[in-house]
Amino acid sequence: MSEHEQRSVLARVGTTNDAYYVLLEHAEAHDNLLCIQVAKNKDDPNRLRFHGPDHYLKTAAQMGTCSPNCPRRATTPC
């Protein structure tokens, strides 16, 4: 939805981030903890896993790149 469309329907659109760990470097440790939690080996193709290491807490600048069509989403409070 473009910024113009947001204004025309009086909708506010925001960018959110599901963060399961704080730093990108924690992705491997988080993956290990998931294996322990569900009692599976890391090489089990059917185990619970997060696809990609992008589930960490991002800065406002990083969140701005998630919405390139409306960079204000990451910096404008709702």
C-alpha atoms as a PDB file:
ATOM      1  CA  MET A   1       0.000   0.000   0.000  1.00  0.00           C
ATOM      2  CA  SER A   2       1.484   3.322  -1.003  1.00  0.00           C
ATOM      3  CA  GLU A   3       1.731   6.241   1.413  1.00  0.00           C
ATOM      4  CA  HIS A   4      -0.934   8.068  -0.616  1.00  0.00           C
ATOM      5  CA  GLU A   5      -3.300   5.094  -0.314  1.00  0.00           C
ATOM      6  CA  GLN A   6      -2.673   4.954   3.438  1.00  0.00           C
ATOM      7  CA  ARG A   7      -3.699   8.570   3.807  1.00  0.00           C
ATOM      8  CA  SER A   8      -6.763   8.194   1.587  1.00  0.00           C
ATOM      9  CA  VAL A   9      -8.206   5.396   3.718  1.00  0.00           C
ATOM     10  CA  LEU A  10      -6.907   6.853   6.988  1.00  0.00           C
ATOM     11  CA  ALA A  11      -4.974   3.686   7.663  1.00  0.00           C
ATOM     12  CA  ARG A  12      -1.685   3.539   9.462  1.00  0.00           C
ATOM     13  CA  VAL A  13       0.715   0.884   8.321  1.00  0.00           C
ATOM     14  CA  GLY A  14       3.712  -0.103  10.361  1.00  0.00           C
ATOM     15  CA  THR A  15       6.669  -2.385  10.024  1.00  0.00           C
ATOM     16  CA  THR A  16       7.046  -5.072  12.661  1.00  0.00           C
ATOM     17  CA  ASN A  17       9.790  -7.496  13.503  1.00  0.00           C
ATOM     18  CA  ASP A  18       9.387 -10.846  15.233  1.00  0.00           C
ATOM     19  CA  ALA A  19      12.526 -11.028  17.334  1.00  0.00           C
ATOM     20  CA  TYR A  20      13.420 -14.339  18.944  1.00  0.00           C
ATOM     21  CA  TYR A  21      16.969 -13.321  19.897  1.00  0.00           C
ATOM     22  CA  VAL A  22      18.810 -10.035  20.290  1.00  0.00           C
ATOM     23  CA  LEU A  23      21.826 -10.246  17.971  1.00  0.00           C
ATOM     24  CA  LEU A  24      22.371 -11.840  14.575  1.00  0.00           C
ATOM     25  CA  GLU A  25      25.243 -13.766  16.155  1.00  0.00           C
ATOM     26  CA  HIS A  26      22.716 -15.561  18.395  1.00  0.00           C
ATOM     27  CA  ALA A  27      21.070 -17.379  15.461  1.00  0.00           C
ATOM     28  CA  GLU A  28      23.178 -20.532  15.806  1.00  0.00           C
ATOM     29  CA  ALA A  29      22.643 -20.748  19.569  1.00  0.00           C
ATOM     30  CA  HIS A  30      18.906 -20.255  19.068  1.00  0.00           C
ATOM     31  CA  ASP A  31      18.868 -23.055  16.503  1.00  0.00           C
ATOM     32  CA  ASN A  32      20.631 -25.324  19.002  1.00  0.00           C
ATOM     33  CA  LEU A  33      18.086 -24.468  21.698  1.00  0.00           C
ATOM     34  CA  LEU A  34      15.224 -25.285  19.326  1.00  0.00           C
ATOM     35  CA  CYS A  35      16.714 -28.741  18.776  1.00  0.00           C
ATOM     36  CA  ILE A  36      16.984 -29.324  22.515  1.00  0.00           C
ATOM     37  CA  GLN A  37      13.452 -28.060  23.088  1.00  0.00           C
ATOM     38  CA  VAL A  38      11.872 -30.425  20.551  1.00  0.00           C
ATOM     39  CA  ALA A  39      14.324 -33.303  21.220  1.00  0.00           C
ATOM     40  CA  LYS A  40      15.573 -33.506  17.641  1.00  0.00           C
ATOM     41  CA  ASN A  41      19.041 -33.704  16.094  1.00  0.00           C
ATOM     42  CA  LYS A  42      20.253 -30.775  14.008  1.00  0.00           C
ATOM     43  CA  ASP A  43      20.561 -33.005  10.950  1.00  0.00           C
ATOM     44  CA  ASP A  44      16.884 -34.095  11.150  1.00  0.00           C
ATOM     45  CA  PRO A  45      15.211 -32.633   8.026  1.00  0.00           C
ATOM     46  CA  ASN A  46      11.798 -32.673   9.728  1.00  0.00           C
ATOM     47  CA  ARG A  47      12.764 -30.719  12.844  1.00  0.00           C
ATOM     48  CA  LEU A  48      11.477 -27.293  13.787  1.00  0.00           C
ATOM     49  CA  ARG A  49      13.696 -24.595  12.325  1.00  0.00           C
ATOM     50  CA  PHE A  50      13.609 -20.927  11.515  1.00  0.00           C
ATOM     51  CA  HIS A  51      14.449 -20.253   7.880  1.00  0.00           C
ATOM     52  CA  GLY A  52      17.260 -17.730   7.783  1.00  0.00           C
ATOM     53  CA  PRO A  53      19.045 -15.906  10.605  1.00  0.00           C
ATOM     54  CA  ASP A  54      16.905 -12.762  10.407  1.00  0.00           C
ATOM     55  CA  HIS A  55      14.866 -13.190  13.586  1.00  0.00           C
ATOM     56  CA  TYR A  56      16.952 -10.800  15.696  1.00  0.00           C
ATOM     57  CA  LEU A  57      16.123  -7.364  17.078  1.00  0.00           C
ATOM     58  CA  LYS A  58      16.778  -4.851  14.293  1.00  0.00           C
ATOM     59  CA  THR A  59      17.598  -1.159  14.456  1.00  0.00           C
ATOM     60  CA  ALA A  60      15.294   1.483  12.978  1.00  0.00           C
ATOM     61  CA  ALA A  61      17.676   1.823  10.025  1.00  0.00           C
ATOM     62  CA  GLN A  62      17.541  -1.918   9.355  1.00  0.00           C
ATOM     63  CA  MET A  63      13.751  -1.899   9.627  1.00  0.00           C
ATOM     64  CA  GLY A  64      13.615   0.950   7.105  1.00  0.00           C
ATOM     65  CA  THR A  65      15.132  -1.356   4.502  1.00  0.00           C
ATOM     66  CA  CYS A  66      12.266  -3.825   5.082  1.00  0.00           C
ATOM     67  CA  SER A  67       9.767  -1.318   3.653  1.00  0.00           C
ATOM     68  CA  PRO A  68      11.568   0.354   0.745  1.00  0.00           C
ATOM     69  CA  ASN A  69       8.317   1.798  -0.653  1.00  0.00           C
ATOM     70  CA  CYS A  70       7.618   3.649   2.582  1.00  0.00           C
ATOM     71  CA  PRO A  71      10.732   4.100   4.745  1.00  0.00           C
ATOM     72  CA  ARG A  72       8.762   6.291   7.188  1.00  0.00           C
ATOM     73  CA  ARG A  73       6.988   3.161   8.459  1.00  0.00           C
ATOM     74  CA  ALA A  74       9.984   2.189  10.552  1.00  0.00           C
ATOM     75  CA  THR A  75      10.490   5.624  12.070  1.00  0.00           C
ATOM     76  CA  THR A  76       6.982   7.046  12.450  1.00  0.00           C
ATOM     77  CA  PRO A  77       5.256   6.142  15.717  1.00  0.00           C
ATOM     78  CA  CYS A  78       1.699   4.822  15.455  1.00  0.00           C
END
